[in-house]
Every structure is written in structure tokens, then in C-alpha cells.
PDB file of N, CA and C in Angstrom:
ATOM      1  N   UNK A   1       0.854  -1.183   0.000  1.00  0.00           N
ATOM      2  CA  UNK A   1       0.000   0.000   0.000  1.00  0.00           C
ATOM      3  C   UNK A   1       0.898   1.244   0.000  1.00  0.00           C
ATOM      4  N   UNK A   2       0.568   2.199  -0.826  1.00  0.00           N
ATOM      5  CA  UNK A   2       1.351   3.432  -0.939  1.00  0.00           C
ATOM      6  C   UNK A   2       1.136   4.309   0.289  1.00  0.00           C
ATOM      7  N   UNK A   3       2.167   5.068   0.639  1.00  0.00           N
ATOM      8  CA  UNK A   3       2.096   5.949   1.791  1.00  0.00           C
ATOM      9  C   UNK A   3       1.067   7.048   1.666  1.00  0.00           C
ATOM     10  N   UNK A   4       0.666   7.365   0.458  1.00  0.00           N
ATOM     11  CA  UNK A   4      -0.299   8.442   0.234  1.00  0.00           C
ATOM     12  C   UNK A   4      -1.729   7.932   0.084  1.00  0.00           C
ATOM     13  N   UNK A   5      -1.973   6.665   0.359  1.00  0.00           N
ATOM     14  CA  UNK A   5      -3.299   6.079   0.144  1.00  0.00           C
ATOM     15  C   UNK A   5      -4.418   6.861   0.830  1.00  0.00           C
ATOM     16  N   UNK A   6      -4.151   7.343   2.037  1.00  0.00           N
ATOM     17  CA  UNK A   6      -5.178   8.083   2.774  1.00  0.00           C
ATOM     18  C   UNK A   6      -5.495   9.435   2.144  1.00  0.00           C
ATOM     19  N   UNK A   7      -4.553   9.999   1.426  1.00  0.00           N
ATOM     20  CA  UNK A   7      -4.734  11.334   0.835  1.00  0.00           C
ATOM     21  C   UNK A   7      -4.783  11.282  -0.691  1.00  0.00           C
ATOM     22  N   UNK A   8      -5.039  10.122  -1.219  1.00  0.00           N
ATOM     23  CA  UNK A   8      -5.036   9.926  -2.677  1.00  0.00           C
ATOM     24  C   UNK A   8      -5.966  10.904  -3.393  1.00  0.00           C
ATOM     25  N   UNK A   9      -7.169  11.055  -2.907  1.00  0.00           N
ATOM     26  CA  UNK A   9      -8.132  11.945  -3.566  1.00  0.00           C
ATOM     27  C   UNK A   9      -7.677  13.403  -3.525  1.00  0.00           C
ATOM     28  N   UNK A  10      -7.083  13.805  -2.410  1.00  0.00           N
ATOM     29  CA  UNK A  10      -6.535  15.163  -2.320  1.00  0.00           C
ATOM     30  C   UNK A  10      -5.430  15.366  -3.350  1.00  0.00           C
ATOM     31  N   UNK A  11      -4.569  14.371  -3.481  1.00  0.00           N
ATOM     32  CA  UNK A  11      -3.488  14.468  -4.458  1.00  0.00           C
ATOM     33  C   UNK A  11      -4.040  14.534  -5.878  1.00  0.00           C
ATOM     34  N   UNK A  12      -5.042  13.733  -6.162  1.00  0.00           N
ATOM     35  CA  UNK A  12      -5.638  13.761  -7.502  1.00  0.00           C
ATOM     36  C   UNK A  12      -6.266  15.111  -7.799  1.00  0.00           C
ATOM     37  N   UNK A  13      -6.921  15.722  -6.812  1.00  0.00           N
ATOM     38  CA  UNK A  13      -7.490  17.061  -7.000  1.00  0.00           C
ATOM     39  C   UNK A  13      -6.394  18.079  -7.310  1.00  0.00           C
ATOM     40  N   UNK A  14      -5.309  18.007  -6.553  1.00  0.00           N
ATOM     41  CA  UNK A  14      -4.200  18.936  -6.796  1.00  0.00           C
ATOM     42  C   UNK A  14      -3.631  18.755  -8.199  1.00  0.00           C
ATOM     43  N   UNK A  15      -3.468  17.505  -8.609  1.00  0.00           N
ATOM     44  CA  UNK A  15      -2.917  17.244  -9.945  1.00  0.00           C
ATOM     45  C   UNK A  15      -3.864  17.715 -11.046  1.00  0.00           C
ATOM     46  N   UNK A  16      -5.152  17.580 -10.827  1.00  0.00           N
ATOM     47  CA  UNK A  16      -6.116  18.084 -11.824  1.00  0.00           C
ATOM     48  C   UNK A  16      -6.042  19.602 -11.928  1.00  0.00           C
ATOM     49  N   UNK A  17      -5.845  20.270 -10.787  1.00  0.00           N
ATOM     50  CA  UNK A  17      -5.696  21.730 -10.807  1.00  0.00           C
ATOM     51  C   UNK A  17      -4.436  22.112 -11.588  1.00  0.00           C
ATOM     52  N   UNK A  18      -3.363  21.392 -11.347  1.00  0.00           N
ATOM     53  CA  UNK A  18      -2.110  21.660 -12.067  1.00  0.00           C
ATOM     54  C   UNK A  18      -2.293  21.392 -13.560  1.00  0.00           C
ATOM     55  N   UNK A  19      -3.003  20.329 -13.873  1.00  0.00           N
ATOM     56  CA  UNK A  19      -3.293  20.021 -15.275  1.00  0.00           C
ATOM     57  C   UNK A  19      -4.052  21.180 -15.925  1.00  0.00           C
ATOM     58  N   UNK A  20      -4.996  21.752 -15.199  1.00  0.00           N
ATOM     59  CA  UNK A  20      -5.740  22.913 -15.696  1.00  0.00           C
ATOM     60  C   UNK A  20      -4.827  24.105 -15.922  1.00  0.00           C
ATOM     61  N   UNK A  21      -3.860  24.292 -15.016  1.00  0.00           N
ATOM     62  CA  UNK A  21      -2.901  25.382 -15.199  1.00  0.00           C
ATOM     63  C   UNK A  21      -2.094  25.173 -16.483  1.00  0.00           C
ATOM     64  N   UNK A  22      -1.701  23.931 -16.739  1.00  0.00           N
ATOM     65  CA  UNK A  22      -0.918  23.654 -17.939  1.00  0.00           C
ATOM     66  C   UNK A  22      -1.749  23.863 -19.202  1.00  0.00           C
ATOM     67  N   UNK A  23      -3.002  23.465 -19.153  1.00  0.00           N
ATOM     68  CA  UNK A  23      -3.879  23.727 -20.308  1.00  0.00           C
ATOM     69  C   UNK A  23      -4.039  25.232 -20.522  1.00  0.00           C
ATOM     70  N   UNK A  24      -4.124  25.964 -19.419  1.00  0.00           N
ATOM     71  CA  UNK A  24      -4.202  27.425 -19.514  1.00  0.00           C
ATOM     72  C   UNK A  24      -2.966  28.003 -20.178  1.00  0.00           C
ATOM     73  N   UNK A  25      -1.814  27.442 -19.895  1.00  0.00           N
ATOM     74  CA  UNK A  25      -0.587  27.880 -20.546  1.00  0.00           C
ATOM     75  C   UNK A  25      -0.643  27.624 -22.050  1.00  0.00           C
ATOM     76  N   UNK A  26      -1.148  26.466 -22.431  1.00  0.00           N
ATOM     77  CA  UNK A  26      -1.293  26.166 -23.858  1.00  0.00           C
ATOM     78  C   UNK A  26      -2.193  27.194 -24.527  1.00  0.00           C
ATOM     79  N   UNK A  27      -3.302  27.514 -23.876  1.00  0.00           N
ATOM     80  CA  UNK A  27      -4.231  28.511 -24.444  1.00  0.00           C
ATOM     81  C   UNK A  27      -3.555  29.866 -24.584  1.00  0.00           C
ATOM     82  N   UNK A  28      -2.776  30.232 -23.567  1.00  0.00           N
ATOM     83  CA  UNK A  28      -2.089  31.524 -23.615  1.00  0.00           C
ATOM     84  C   UNK A  28      -1.152  31.599 -24.822  1.00  0.00           C
ATOM     85  N   UNK A  29      -0.439  30.515 -25.092  1.00  0.00           N
ATOM     86  CA  UNK A  29       0.468  30.495 -26.242  1.00  0.00           C
ATOM     87  C   UNK A  29      -0.342  30.539 -27.535  1.00  0.00           C
ATOM     88  N   UNK A  30      -1.431  29.765 -27.584  1.00  0.00           N
ATOM     89  CA  UNK A  30      -2.287  29.779 -28.780  1.00  0.00           C
ATOM     90  C   UNK A  30      -2.845  31.172 -29.050  1.00  0.00           C
ATOM     91  N   UNK A  31      -3.127  31.918 -27.985  1.00  0.00           N
ATOM     92  CA  UNK A  31      -3.710  33.258 -28.114  1.00  0.00           C
ATOM     93  C   UNK A  31      -2.650  34.349 -28.254  1.00  0.00           C
ATOM     94  N   UNK A  32      -1.375  33.947 -28.387  1.00  0.00           N
ATOM     95  CA  UNK A  32      -0.273  34.914 -28.515  1.00  0.00           C
ATOM     96  C   UNK A  32      -0.232  35.921 -27.373  1.00  0.00           C
ATOM     97  N   UNK A  33      -0.407  35.438 -26.153  1.00  0.00           N
ATOM     98  CA  UNK A  33      -0.372  36.322 -24.992  1.00  0.00           C
ATOM     99  C   UNK A  33       1.050  36.816 -24.750  1.00  0.00           C
ATOM    100  N   UNK A  34       1.158  37.850 -23.980  1.00  0.00           N
ATOM    101  CA  UNK A  34       2.435  38.490 -23.656  1.00  0.00           C
ATOM    102  C   UNK A  34       3.353  37.506 -22.931  1.00  0.00           C
ATOM    103  N   UNK A  35       4.624  37.475 -23.344  1.00  0.00           N
ATOM    104  CA  UNK A  35       5.595  36.506 -22.813  1.00  0.00           C
ATOM    105  C   UNK A  35       5.676  36.522 -21.290  1.00  0.00           C
ATOM    106  N   UNK A  36       5.729  37.687 -20.716  1.00  0.00           N
ATOM    107  CA  UNK A  36       5.879  37.790 -19.263  1.00  0.00           C
ATOM    108  C   UNK A  36       4.657  37.224 -18.551  1.00  0.00           C
ATOM    109  N   UNK A  37       3.474  37.411 -19.111  1.00  0.00           N
ATOM    110  CA  UNK A  37       2.269  36.828 -18.522  1.00  0.00           C
ATOM    111  C   UNK A  37       2.343  35.299 -18.536  1.00  0.00           C
ATOM    112  N   UNK A  38       2.844  34.748 -19.631  1.00  0.00           N
ATOM    113  CA  UNK A  38       2.992  33.301 -19.735  1.00  0.00           C
ATOM    114  C   UNK A  38       4.028  32.810 -18.727  1.00  0.00           C
ATOM    115  N   UNK A  39       5.157  33.506 -18.636  1.00  0.00           N
ATOM    116  CA  UNK A  39       6.197  33.113 -17.692  1.00  0.00           C
ATOM    117  C   UNK A  39       5.710  33.176 -16.251  1.00  0.00           C
ATOM    118  N   UNK A  40       4.854  34.126 -15.953  1.00  0.00           N
ATOM    119  CA  UNK A  40       4.273  34.219 -14.607  1.00  0.00           C
ATOM    120  C   UNK A  40       3.449  32.981 -14.311  1.00  0.00           C
ATOM    121  N   UNK A  41       2.687  32.525 -15.287  1.00  0.00           N
ATOM    122  CA  UNK A  41       1.876  31.321 -15.101  1.00  0.00           C
ATOM    123  C   UNK A  41       2.732  30.062 -15.049  1.00  0.00           C
ATOM    124  N   UNK A  42       3.827  30.036 -15.802  1.00  0.00           N
ATOM    125  CA  UNK A  42       4.762  28.904 -15.731  1.00  0.00           C
ATOM    126  C   UNK A  42       5.317  28.811 -14.311  1.00  0.00           C
ATOM    127  N   UNK A  43       5.665  29.939 -13.746  1.00  0.00           N
ATOM    128  CA  UNK A  43       6.186  29.964 -12.382  1.00  0.00           C
ATOM    129  C   UNK A  43       5.155  29.432 -11.389  1.00  0.00           C
ATOM    130  N   UNK A  44       3.909  29.803 -11.560  1.00  0.00           N
ATOM    131  CA  UNK A  44       2.853  29.325 -10.668  1.00  0.00           C
ATOM    132  C   UNK A  44       2.669  27.816 -10.792  1.00  0.00           C
ATOM    133  N   UNK A  45       2.704  27.307 -12.016  1.00  0.00           N
ATOM    134  CA  UNK A  45       2.566  25.862 -12.229  1.00  0.00           C
ATOM    135  C   UNK A  45       3.759  25.118 -11.635  1.00  0.00           C
ATOM    136  N   UNK A  46       4.932  25.685 -11.797  1.00  0.00           N
ATOM    137  CA  UNK A  46       6.141  25.088 -11.234  1.00  0.00           C
ATOM    138  C   UNK A  46       6.038  25.024  -9.708  1.00  0.00           C
ATOM    139  N   UNK A  47       5.598  26.092  -9.073  1.00  0.00           N
ATOM    140  CA  UNK A  47       5.433  26.101  -7.617  1.00  0.00           C
ATOM    141  C   UNK A  47       4.408  25.073  -7.173  1.00  0.00           C
ATOM    142  N   UNK A  48       3.337  24.934  -7.934  1.00  0.00           N
ATOM    143  CA  UNK A  48       2.303  23.952  -7.594  1.00  0.00           C
ATOM    144  C   UNK A  48       2.859  22.527  -7.669  1.00  0.00           C
ATOM    145  N   UNK A  49       3.636  22.238  -8.696  1.00  0.00           N
ATOM    146  CA  UNK A  49       4.245  20.913  -8.815  1.00  0.00           C
ATOM    147  C   UNK A  49       5.252  20.654  -7.699  1.00  0.00           C
ATOM    148  N   UNK A  50       6.035  21.660  -7.358  1.00  0.00           N
ATOM    149  CA  UNK A  50       7.001  21.507  -6.266  1.00  0.00           C
ATOM    150  C   UNK A  50       6.283  21.247  -4.949  1.00  0.00           C
ATOM    151  N   UNK A  51       5.218  21.963  -4.718  1.00  0.00           N
ATOM    152  CA  UNK A  51       4.443  21.776  -3.492  1.00  0.00           C
ATOM    153  C   UNK A  51       3.876  20.361  -3.431  1.00  0.00           C
ATOM    154  N   UNK A  52       3.349  19.887  -4.547  1.00  0.00           N
ATOM    155  CA  UNK A  52       2.841  18.523  -4.623  1.00  0.00           C
ATOM    156  C   UNK A  52       3.959  17.525  -4.348  1.00  0.00           C
ATOM    157  N   UNK A  53       5.111  17.736  -4.971  1.00  0.00           N
ATOM    158  CA  UNK A  53       6.248  16.835  -4.792  1.00  0.00           C
ATOM    159  C   UNK A  53       6.672  16.757  -3.332  1.00  0.00           C
ATOM    160  N   UNK A  54       6.733  17.893  -2.680  1.00  0.00           N
ATOM    161  CA  UNK A  54       7.155  17.915  -1.284  1.00  0.00           C
ATOM    162  C   UNK A  54       6.142  17.212  -0.384  1.00  0.00           C
ATOM    163  N   UNK A  55       4.871  17.400  -0.657  1.00  0.00           N
ATOM    164  CA  UNK A  55       3.838  16.721   0.133  1.00  0.00           C
ATOM    165  C   UNK A  55       3.938  15.207  -0.037  1.00  0.00           C
ATOM    166  N   UNK A  56       4.134  14.771  -1.271  1.00  0.00           N
ATOM    167  CA  UNK A  56       4.264  13.344  -1.543  1.00  0.00           C
ATOM    168  C   UNK A  56       5.529  12.773  -0.898  1.00  0.00           C
ATOM    169  N   UNK A  57       6.614  13.516  -0.969  1.00  0.00           N
ATOM    170  CA  UNK A  57       7.857  13.080  -0.342  1.00  0.00           C
ATOM    171  C   UNK A  57       7.689  12.974   1.172  1.00  0.00           C
ATOM    172  N   UNK A  58       7.029  13.932   1.771  1.00  0.00           N
ATOM    173  CA  UNK A  58       6.791  13.896   3.215  1.00  0.00           C
ATOM    174  C   UNK A  58       6.004  12.643   3.609  1.00  0.00           C
ATOM    175  N   UNK A  59       4.976  12.322   2.837  1.00  0.00           N
ATOM    176  CA  UNK A  59       4.194  11.118   3.118  1.00  0.00           C
ATOM    177  C   UNK A  59       5.029   9.857   2.921  1.00  0.00           C
ATOM    178  N   UNK A  60       5.864   9.861   1.898  1.00  0.00           N
ATOM    179  CA  UNK A  60       6.739   8.711   1.653  1.00  0.00           C
ATOM    180  C   UNK A  60       7.673   8.495   2.841  1.00  0.00           C
ATOM    181  N   UNK A  61       8.243   9.587   3.331  1.00  0.00           N
ATOM    182  CA  UNK A  61       9.154   9.480   4.471  1.00  0.00           C
ATOM    183  C   UNK A  61       8.415   8.987   5.722  1.00  0.00           C
ATOM    184  N   UNK A  62       7.223   9.514   5.938  1.00  0.00           N
ATOM    185  CA  UNK A  62       6.468   9.177   7.145  1.00  0.00           C
ATOM    186  C   UNK A  62       5.951   7.743   7.132  1.00  0.00           C
ATOM    187  N   UNK A  63       5.718   7.199   5.956  1.00  0.00           N
ATOM    188  CA  UNK A  63       5.135   5.860   5.881  1.00  0.00           C
ATOM    189  C   UNK A  63       6.145   4.829   5.391  1.00  0.00           C
ATOM    190  N   UNK A  64       6.509   4.929   4.139  1.00  0.00           N
ATOM    191  CA  UNK A  64       7.355   3.900   3.514  1.00  0.00           C
ATOM    192  C   UNK A  64       8.736   3.813   4.166  1.00  0.00           C
ATOM    193  N   UNK A  65       9.384   4.965   4.325  1.00  0.00           N
ATOM    194  CA  UNK A  65      10.733   4.958   4.902  1.00  0.00           C
ATOM    195  C   UNK A  65      10.671   4.598   6.384  1.00  0.00           C
ATOM    196  N   UNK A  66       9.711   5.169   7.104  1.00  0.00           N
ATOM    197  CA  UNK A  66       9.590   4.862   8.530  1.00  0.00           C
ATOM    198  C   UNK A  66       9.312   3.379   8.758  1.00  0.00           C
ATOM    199  N   UNK A  67       8.434   2.791   7.954  1.00  0.00           N
ATOM    200  CA  UNK A  67       8.148   1.354   8.088  1.00  0.00           C
ATOM    201  C   UNK A  67       9.389   0.513   7.816  1.00  0.00           C
ATOM    202  N   UNK A  68      10.121   0.874   6.778  1.00  0.00           N
ATOM    203  CA  UNK A  68      11.319   0.114   6.422  1.00  0.00           C
ATOM    204  C   UNK A  68      12.389   0.247   7.503  1.00  0.00           C
ATOM    205  N   UNK A  69      12.564   1.438   8.045  1.00  0.00           N
ATOM    206  CA  UNK A  69      13.589   1.605   9.080  1.00  0.00           C
ATOM    207  C   UNK A  69      13.208   0.875  10.361  1.00  0.00           C
ATOM    208  N   UNK A  70      11.921   0.773  10.632  1.00  0.00           N
ATOM    209  CA  UNK A  70      11.491   0.021  11.816  1.00  0.00           C
ATOM    210  C   UNK A  70      11.845  -1.460  11.671  1.00  0.00           C
ATOM    211  N   UNK A  71      11.802  -1.961  10.431  1.00  0.00           N
ATOM    212  CA  UNK A  71      12.153  -3.364  10.177  1.00  0.00           C
ATOM    213  C   UNK A  71      13.661  -3.559  10.150  1.00  0.00           C
ATOM    214  N   UNK A  72      14.370  -2.496   9.720  1.00  0.00           N
ATOM    215  CA  UNK A  72      15.823  -2.554   9.658  1.00  0.00           C
ATOM    216  C   UNK A  72      16.335  -3.326   8.461  1.00  0.00           C
ATOM    217  N   UNK A  73      17.621  -3.535   8.444  1.00  0.00           N
ATOM    218  CA  UNK A  73      18.244  -4.334   7.397  1.00  0.00           C
ATOM    219  C   UNK A  73      18.431  -3.615   6.083  1.00  0.00           C
ATOM    220  N   UNK A  74      18.588  -4.426   5.040  1.00  0.00           N
ATOM    221  CA  UNK A  74      18.867  -3.913   3.698  1.00  0.00           C
ATOM    222  C   UNK A  74      17.720  -3.080   3.149  1.00  0.00           C
ATOM    223  N   UNK A  75      16.491  -3.462   3.483  1.00  0.00           N
ATOM    224  CA  UNK A  75      15.341  -2.700   2.988  1.00  0.00           C
ATOM    225  C   UNK A  75      15.361  -1.270   3.534  1.00  0.00           C
ATOM    226  N   UNK A  76      15.734  -1.110   4.784  1.00  0.00           N
ATOM    227  CA  UNK A  76      15.806   0.227   5.382  1.00  0.00           C
ATOM    228  C   UNK A  76      16.844   1.075   4.662  1.00  0.00           C
ATOM    229  N   UNK A  77      18.008   0.507   4.444  1.00  0.00           N
ATOM    230  CA  UNK A  77      19.071   1.232   3.751  1.00  0.00           C
ATOM    231  C   UNK A  77      18.633   1.604   2.334  1.00  0.00           C
ATOM    232  N   UNK A  78      17.951   0.699   1.668  1.00  0.00           N
ATOM    233  CA  UNK A  78      17.496   0.958   0.300  1.00  0.00           C
ATOM    234  C   UNK A  78      16.464   2.079   0.269  1.00  0.00           C
ATOM    235  N   UNK A  79      15.523   2.082   1.224  1.00  0.00           N
ATOM    236  CA  UNK A  79      14.488   3.131   1.258  1.00  0.00           C
ATOM    237  C   UNK A  79      15.091   4.488   1.576  1.00  0.00           C
ATOM    238  N   UNK A  80      16.062   4.526   2.471  1.00  0.00           N
ATOM    239  CA  UNK A  80      16.721   5.791   2.792  1.00  0.00           C
ATOM    240  C   UNK A  80      17.476   6.315   1.581  1.00  0.00           C
ATOM    241  N   UNK A  81      18.185   5.440   0.881  1.00  0.00           N
ATOM    242  CA  UNK A  81      18.916   5.840  -0.336  1.00  0.00           C
ATOM    243  C   UNK A  81      17.945   6.328  -1.401  1.00  0.00           C
ATOM    244  N   UNK A  82      16.845   5.624  -1.565  1.00  0.00           N
ATOM    245  CA  UNK A  82      15.816   6.006  -2.540  1.00  0.00           C
ATOM    246  C   UNK A  82      15.271   7.400  -2.225  1.00  0.00           C
ATOM    247  N   UNK A  83      14.961   7.661  -0.967  1.00  0.00           N
ATOM    248  CA  UNK A  83      14.434   8.971  -0.558  1.00  0.00           C
ATOM    249  C   UNK A  83      15.492  10.054  -0.752  1.00  0.00           C
ATOM    250  N   UNK A  84      16.727   9.739  -0.416  1.00  0.00           N
ATOM    251  CA  UNK A  84      17.816  10.697  -0.593  1.00  0.00           C
ATOM    252  C   UNK A  84      17.993  11.058  -2.064  1.00  0.00           C
ATOM    253  N   UNK A  85      17.924  10.072  -2.928  1.00  0.00           N
ATOM    254  CA  UNK A  85      18.028  10.314  -4.373  1.00  0.00           C
ATOM    255  C   UNK A  85      16.875  11.175  -4.876  1.00  0.00           C
ATOM    256  N   UNK A  86      15.673  10.924  -4.358  1.00  0.00           N
ATOM    257  CA  UNK A  86      14.502  11.714  -4.759  1.00  0.00           C
ATOM    258  C   UNK A  86      14.671  13.171  -4.320  1.00  0.00           C
ATOM    259  N   UNK A  87      15.175  13.374  -3.125  1.00  0.00           N
ATOM    260  CA  UNK A  87      15.413  14.737  -2.636  1.00  0.00           C
ATOM    261  C   UNK A  87      16.444  15.431  -3.515  1.00  0.00           C
ATOM    262  N   UNK A  88      17.508  14.729  -3.868  1.00  0.00           N
ATOM    263  CA  UNK A  88      18.533  15.300  -4.735  1.00  0.00           C
ATOM    264  C   UNK A  88      17.947  15.713  -6.085  1.00  0.00           C
ATOM    265  N   UNK A  89      17.071  14.890  -6.639  1.00  0.00           N
ATOM    266  CA  UNK A  89      16.436  15.244  -7.922  1.00  0.00           C
ATOM    267  C   UNK A  89      15.567  16.493  -7.774  1.00  0.00           C
ATOM    268  N   UNK A  90      14.849  16.591  -6.681  1.00  0.00           N
ATOM    269  CA  UNK A  90      14.000  17.769  -6.455  1.00  0.00           C
ATOM    270  C   UNK A  90      14.829  19.029  -6.288  1.00  0.00           C
ATOM    271  N   UNK A  91      15.953  18.914  -5.601  1.00  0.00           N
ATOM    272  CA  UNK A  91      16.806  20.072  -5.368  1.00  0.00           C
ATOM    273  C   UNK A  91      17.462  20.546  -6.661  1.00  0.00           C
ATOM    274  N   UNK A  92      17.833  19.600  -7.517  1.00  0.00           N
ATOM    275  CA  UNK A  92      18.481  19.943  -8.787  1.00  0.00           C
ATOM    276  C   UNK A  92      17.530  20.598  -9.773  1.00  0.00           C
ATOM    277  N   UNK A  93      16.259  20.249  -9.698  1.00  0.00           N
ATOM    278  CA  UNK A  93      15.329  20.748 -10.719  1.00  0.00           C
ATOM    279  C   UNK A  93      14.906  22.167 -10.467  1.00  0.00           C
TER     280      UNK A  93
END
């Protein structure tokens, strides 16, 4: 079971909102809107995705990583490495 199972519907709502923002960006380009206005919306969509990513990462740490560390062993080390790699990817982007 995924760590976000309890908040799955909330996550889906957030992703649908982000999807709407991206469609709005497409419309703005189709309508030849001013570049700075489009860039402002790109920034908002980027912030929304980052916020979603951080929420999902927090749930992963609280559930998947915490469960694995409670069991110990190789699985714990693997989950910690996996989470660390995910954080590194988020920081780089």
C-alpha cells in the first residue's frame, strides 16, 4: 500500500488543478499572450508541482521509509537511499 493512500483523492485534485494550469498555458500560447504573462503562469505551475512533490515526499518518508527503518536491514538502507536520491532530484530541478 502506498504511503499516500489516505490522501489519494486530495493528491488527484491537486494534480487536476495543475493540469488545468498547464492547459491554460497552452491557451495563452495559442492566443499569442504576452511573454511575461505566460512566464508568470509557468512559475505558478512550477510552484504547484514543487508543493505537490514535497507533500508526496513527506508522506513517503512518514510511511514507507519509517516502516522500512522500523524493520531494519537492507530494505531500510534501500528506502533511505531512494528517498535521498529523490530529494537530490527535487533540489536539482
